[in-house]
Amino acid sequence: MTERPGPAARPLFLRRPALAQLAVLVVLAGGVGLLHLSFASPPGSTRFYGLSLALAAVWLIGGLLVPVDLWPVPRRSRARTFVAPVMAGLLLAVIFVIGAILVDRLPVLGDGLSGVFGYAARGLLPLVLLITVINAVAEELFFRGALWRLTRPGHRYAVTTLLYVLATIATGHPLLVFAAAVLGLVTGRLRQVTGGVLAPILAHSTWSVIMLLAVPPLTT
């Protein structure tokens, strides 16, 4: 007969809800502050790169608050594990790229678009691309990983998506806030369906890379 693990075997933050909530608030506050500062920095500046890497570190630390399931449940096929999330990110990126081309034709929204992607156009693209992927992975480990597990089961989808959107407001770019809402809904659903955080990571990273490579050349 297998002996069930006692309470002491559970991670600290799952045994101490108040401590977990405090840690999440600290991570969110730190992430929001660094997000604001990074987007307030000049594109291509050393300060922007440093703050962006610091932001990724904060989300990553937050994502390690509790153990999370990286892989989906064993019964999922390899295609659903890897291909489906990448295709979801690709489809979402195509829709957003088309939207960006249309938005670029509107003077007010077009200025906002150039403000967002100016970091790719005026910065060192390989480095910006690397930082973007690192941040995408770290964000998913925190929002669809640790934060997801620390939230009550019936509220995980709504709460993690809402907090992700609220955190993105710190960028000061309404277009990014809108993108965060759509992306949060998609990656949250992938987290529900697969039972792991790998699918959200793959979809988010795919979306980020395509947007970064495709939008600036098509809207300048």
Protein backbone atom coordinates (compact mmCIF):
# COMPACT_ATOMS: atom_id res chain seq x y z
CA MET A 1 0.00 0.00 0.00
CA THR A 2 1.46 3.36 -1.04
CA GLU A 3 1.63 5.96 1.69
CA ARG A 4 0.17 9.34 0.73
CA PRO A 5 2.44 12.35 1.21
CA GLY A 6 1.65 14.45 4.26
CA PRO A 7 1.13 18.20 4.36
CA ALA A 8 4.83 18.84 4.93
CA ALA A 9 5.58 17.32 1.52
CA ARG A 10 3.62 20.05 -0.25
CA PRO A 11 5.49 23.17 -1.48
CA LEU A 12 5.72 25.97 1.07
CA PHE A 13 3.59 28.42 -0.95
CA LEU A 14 0.80 25.87 -1.25
CA ARG A 15 0.81 25.33 2.51
CA ARG A 16 0.90 29.04 3.32
CA PRO A 17 -1.73 30.85 1.21
CA ALA A 18 -1.07 34.24 2.83
CA LEU A 19 2.65 33.95 2.12
CA ALA A 20 1.90 32.92 -1.46
CA GLN A 21 -0.37 35.92 -1.99
CA LEU A 22 2.29 38.27 -0.63
CA ALA A 23 4.95 36.75 -2.89
CA VAL A 24 2.68 37.09 -5.93
CA LEU A 25 1.99 40.74 -5.12
CA VAL A 26 5.72 41.43 -4.77
CA VAL A 27 6.47 39.75 -8.11
CA LEU A 28 3.62 41.59 -9.84
CA ALA A 29 4.70 44.94 -8.41
CA GLY A 30 8.30 44.34 -9.45
CA GLY A 31 7.29 43.15 -12.91
CA VAL A 32 4.93 46.08 -13.51
CA GLY A 33 7.59 48.58 -12.41
CA LEU A 34 10.27 47.09 -14.64
CA LEU A 35 7.85 46.83 -17.55
CA HIS A 36 7.06 50.53 -17.26
CA LEU A 37 10.72 51.49 -16.99
CA SER A 38 11.78 49.32 -19.92
CA PHE A 39 9.22 50.88 -22.26
CA ALA A 40 10.17 54.32 -21.02
CA SER A 41 13.77 53.68 -22.10
CA PRO A 42 15.10 54.73 -25.53
CA PRO A 43 14.99 51.91 -28.12
CA GLY A 44 18.37 50.26 -28.56
CA SER A 45 19.76 51.70 -25.34
CA THR A 46 21.75 49.65 -22.85
CA ARG A 47 19.17 50.61 -20.25
CA PHE A 48 16.36 49.05 -22.28
CA TYR A 49 18.22 45.76 -22.68
CA GLY A 50 19.19 45.64 -19.01
CA LEU A 51 15.67 46.42 -17.74
CA SER A 52 14.12 43.89 -20.14
CA LEU A 53 16.43 41.13 -18.89
CA ALA A 54 15.71 42.15 -15.29
CA LEU A 55 11.99 41.91 -16.07
CA ALA A 56 12.43 38.39 -17.42
CA ALA A 57 14.33 37.45 -14.25
CA VAL A 58 11.47 38.73 -12.06
CA TRP A 59 8.83 36.76 -13.98
CA LEU A 60 11.08 33.69 -13.91
CA ILE A 61 11.59 33.94 -10.15
CA GLY A 62 7.84 34.30 -9.76
CA GLY A 63 7.33 31.28 -11.96
CA LEU A 64 9.49 29.20 -9.64
CA LEU A 65 7.36 29.96 -6.57
CA VAL A 66 5.71 26.57 -6.87
CA PRO A 67 6.43 23.49 -9.01
CA VAL A 68 4.45 23.62 -12.26
CA ASP A 69 3.67 21.00 -14.87
CA LEU A 70 5.68 21.82 -17.96
CA TRP A 71 4.50 18.89 -20.03
CA PRO A 72 0.87 18.06 -20.75
CA VAL A 73 -0.73 14.95 -19.32
CA PRO A 74 0.75 11.72 -20.77
CA ARG A 75 -2.27 10.84 -22.91
CA ARG A 76 -1.82 13.89 -25.13
CA SER A 77 -0.33 13.12 -28.52
CA ARG A 78 2.97 14.64 -29.61
CA ALA A 79 1.14 16.64 -32.29
CA ARG A 80 -1.14 18.24 -29.72
CA THR A 81 1.81 18.80 -27.41
CA PHE A 82 4.03 20.66 -29.86
CA VAL A 83 2.33 21.30 -33.20
CA ALA A 84 -1.05 22.58 -32.04
CA PRO A 85 0.32 25.36 -29.77
CA VAL A 86 2.76 26.51 -32.47
CA MET A 87 -0.06 26.57 -35.03
CA ALA A 88 -2.23 28.52 -32.60
CA GLY A 89 0.54 31.09 -32.14
CA LEU A 90 1.09 31.23 -35.90
CA LEU A 91 -2.60 31.75 -36.66
CA LEU A 92 -2.88 34.43 -33.99
CA ALA A 93 0.21 36.17 -35.38
CA VAL A 94 -1.19 36.19 -38.93
CA ILE A 95 -4.40 37.79 -37.68
CA PHE A 96 -2.44 40.40 -35.72
CA VAL A 97 -0.09 41.15 -38.63
CA ILE A 98 -3.07 41.81 -40.89
CA GLY A 99 -4.56 43.97 -38.16
CA ALA A 100 -1.28 45.87 -37.79
CA ILE A 101 -1.22 46.65 -41.52
CA LEU A 102 -4.74 48.05 -41.28
CA VAL A 103 -3.99 49.97 -38.09
CA ASP A 104 -0.90 51.50 -39.67
CA ARG A 105 -3.15 53.31 -42.15
CA LEU A 106 -4.83 55.21 -39.30
CA PRO A 107 -2.73 58.23 -38.16
CA VAL A 108 -3.48 57.99 -34.42
CA LEU A 109 -3.19 54.22 -34.08
CA GLY A 110 -0.29 54.10 -36.52
CA ASP A 111 1.79 56.27 -34.21
CA GLY A 112 1.09 53.85 -31.37
CA LEU A 113 2.16 50.95 -33.53
CA SER A 114 5.47 52.59 -34.40
CA GLY A 115 6.02 53.27 -30.71
CA VAL A 116 5.65 49.58 -29.89
CA PHE A 117 7.80 48.19 -32.70
CA GLY A 118 10.36 50.98 -32.66
CA TYR A 119 12.39 48.83 -30.27
CA ALA A 120 12.82 46.25 -33.03
CA ALA A 121 13.36 48.77 -35.82
CA ARG A 122 15.91 50.90 -33.96
CA GLY A 123 17.47 48.30 -31.70
CA LEU A 124 19.75 45.35 -32.35
CA LEU A 125 17.20 42.91 -33.78
CA PRO A 126 18.85 39.59 -32.76
CA LEU A 127 19.19 40.83 -29.17
CA VAL A 128 15.64 42.23 -29.09
CA LEU A 129 14.38 38.92 -30.50
CA LEU A 130 16.25 36.91 -27.86
CA ILE A 131 14.98 39.11 -25.03
CA THR A 132 11.44 38.89 -26.40
CA VAL A 133 11.50 35.08 -26.41
CA ILE A 134 13.03 34.95 -22.93
CA ASN A 135 10.32 37.27 -21.62
CA ALA A 136 7.60 35.23 -23.33
CA VAL A 137 8.81 32.06 -21.61
CA ALA A 138 9.19 33.78 -18.24
CA GLU A 139 5.75 35.43 -18.46
CA GLU A 140 4.06 32.10 -19.15
CA LEU A 141 5.93 30.35 -16.33
CA PHE A 142 4.58 32.99 -13.96
CA PHE A 143 1.07 33.77 -15.23
CA ARG A 144 0.08 30.37 -16.64
CA GLY A 145 2.42 28.49 -14.30
CA ALA A 146 2.84 29.54 -10.67
CA LEU A 147 0.03 32.12 -10.58
CA TRP A 148 -2.31 29.65 -12.28
CA ARG A 149 -1.62 27.02 -9.64
CA LEU A 150 -1.93 29.46 -6.74
CA THR A 151 -5.37 30.62 -7.93
CA ARG A 152 -8.56 28.76 -7.07
CA PRO A 153 -9.38 26.19 -9.78
CA GLY A 154 -12.67 27.78 -10.79
CA HIS A 155 -11.12 31.23 -11.27
CA ARG A 156 -7.74 30.48 -12.83
CA TYR A 157 -8.58 31.35 -16.41
CA ALA A 158 -10.23 34.69 -15.61
CA VAL A 159 -7.85 35.80 -12.84
CA THR A 160 -4.59 35.07 -14.67
CA THR A 161 -5.84 36.69 -17.88
CA LEU A 162 -7.06 39.78 -16.03
CA LEU A 163 -3.83 40.22 -14.09
CA TYR A 164 -1.81 39.76 -17.29
CA VAL A 165 -3.80 42.51 -18.98
CA LEU A 166 -3.55 44.84 -15.98
CA ALA A 167 0.22 44.33 -15.81
CA THR A 168 0.55 45.21 -19.51
CA ILE A 169 -1.06 48.61 -18.89
CA ALA A 170 2.32 49.61 -17.46
CA THR A 171 3.73 49.68 -21.00
CA GLY A 172 1.60 52.74 -21.76
CA HIS A 173 0.59 51.27 -25.15
CA PRO A 174 -3.14 50.50 -25.63
CA LEU A 175 -2.35 48.22 -28.56
CA LEU A 176 -0.17 46.04 -26.33
CA VAL A 177 -2.93 45.92 -23.72
CA PHE A 178 -5.36 44.69 -26.37
CA ALA A 179 -2.82 42.14 -27.58
CA ALA A 180 -2.29 40.94 -24.00
CA ALA A 181 -6.03 40.38 -23.59
CA VAL A 182 -6.27 38.24 -26.71
CA LEU A 183 -3.01 36.40 -26.05
CA GLY A 184 -3.96 35.80 -22.43
CA LEU A 185 -7.26 34.23 -23.45
CA VAL A 186 -5.54 31.95 -25.97
CA THR A 187 -2.66 30.83 -23.76
CA GLY A 188 -4.99 30.40 -20.79
CA ARG A 189 -7.19 28.12 -22.85
CA LEU A 190 -4.15 26.12 -23.95
CA ARG A 191 -3.20 25.76 -20.30
CA GLN A 192 -6.67 24.41 -19.54
CA VAL A 193 -6.72 21.97 -22.42
CA THR A 194 -3.22 20.52 -22.10
CA GLY A 195 -2.74 20.62 -18.34
CA GLY A 196 0.79 22.02 -18.71
CA VAL A 197 2.58 25.30 -19.31
CA LEU A 198 4.55 24.13 -22.35
CA ALA A 199 1.69 24.84 -24.78
CA PRO A 200 1.29 28.47 -23.64
CA ILE A 201 5.07 28.96 -23.90
CA LEU A 202 5.17 27.61 -27.47
CA ALA A 203 2.17 29.67 -28.61
CA HIS A 204 3.40 32.88 -26.96
CA SER A 205 6.94 32.52 -28.29
CA THR A 206 5.72 31.77 -31.83
CA TRP A 207 3.41 34.78 -31.78
CA SER A 208 6.13 37.08 -30.43
CA VAL A 209 8.77 36.05 -32.96
CA ILE A 210 6.50 36.41 -35.97
CA MET A 211 5.15 39.77 -34.82
CA LEU A 212 8.65 41.09 -34.23
CA LEU A 213 9.95 39.94 -37.60
CA ALA A 214 6.88 40.68 -39.75
CA VAL A 215 5.27 43.88 -38.46
CA PRO A 216 8.14 46.43 -38.73
CA PRO A 217 8.96 45.72 -42.42
CA LEU A 218 5.26 45.78 -43.36
CA THR A 219 4.38 48.98 -41.54
CA THR A 220 7.36 51.26 -42.23
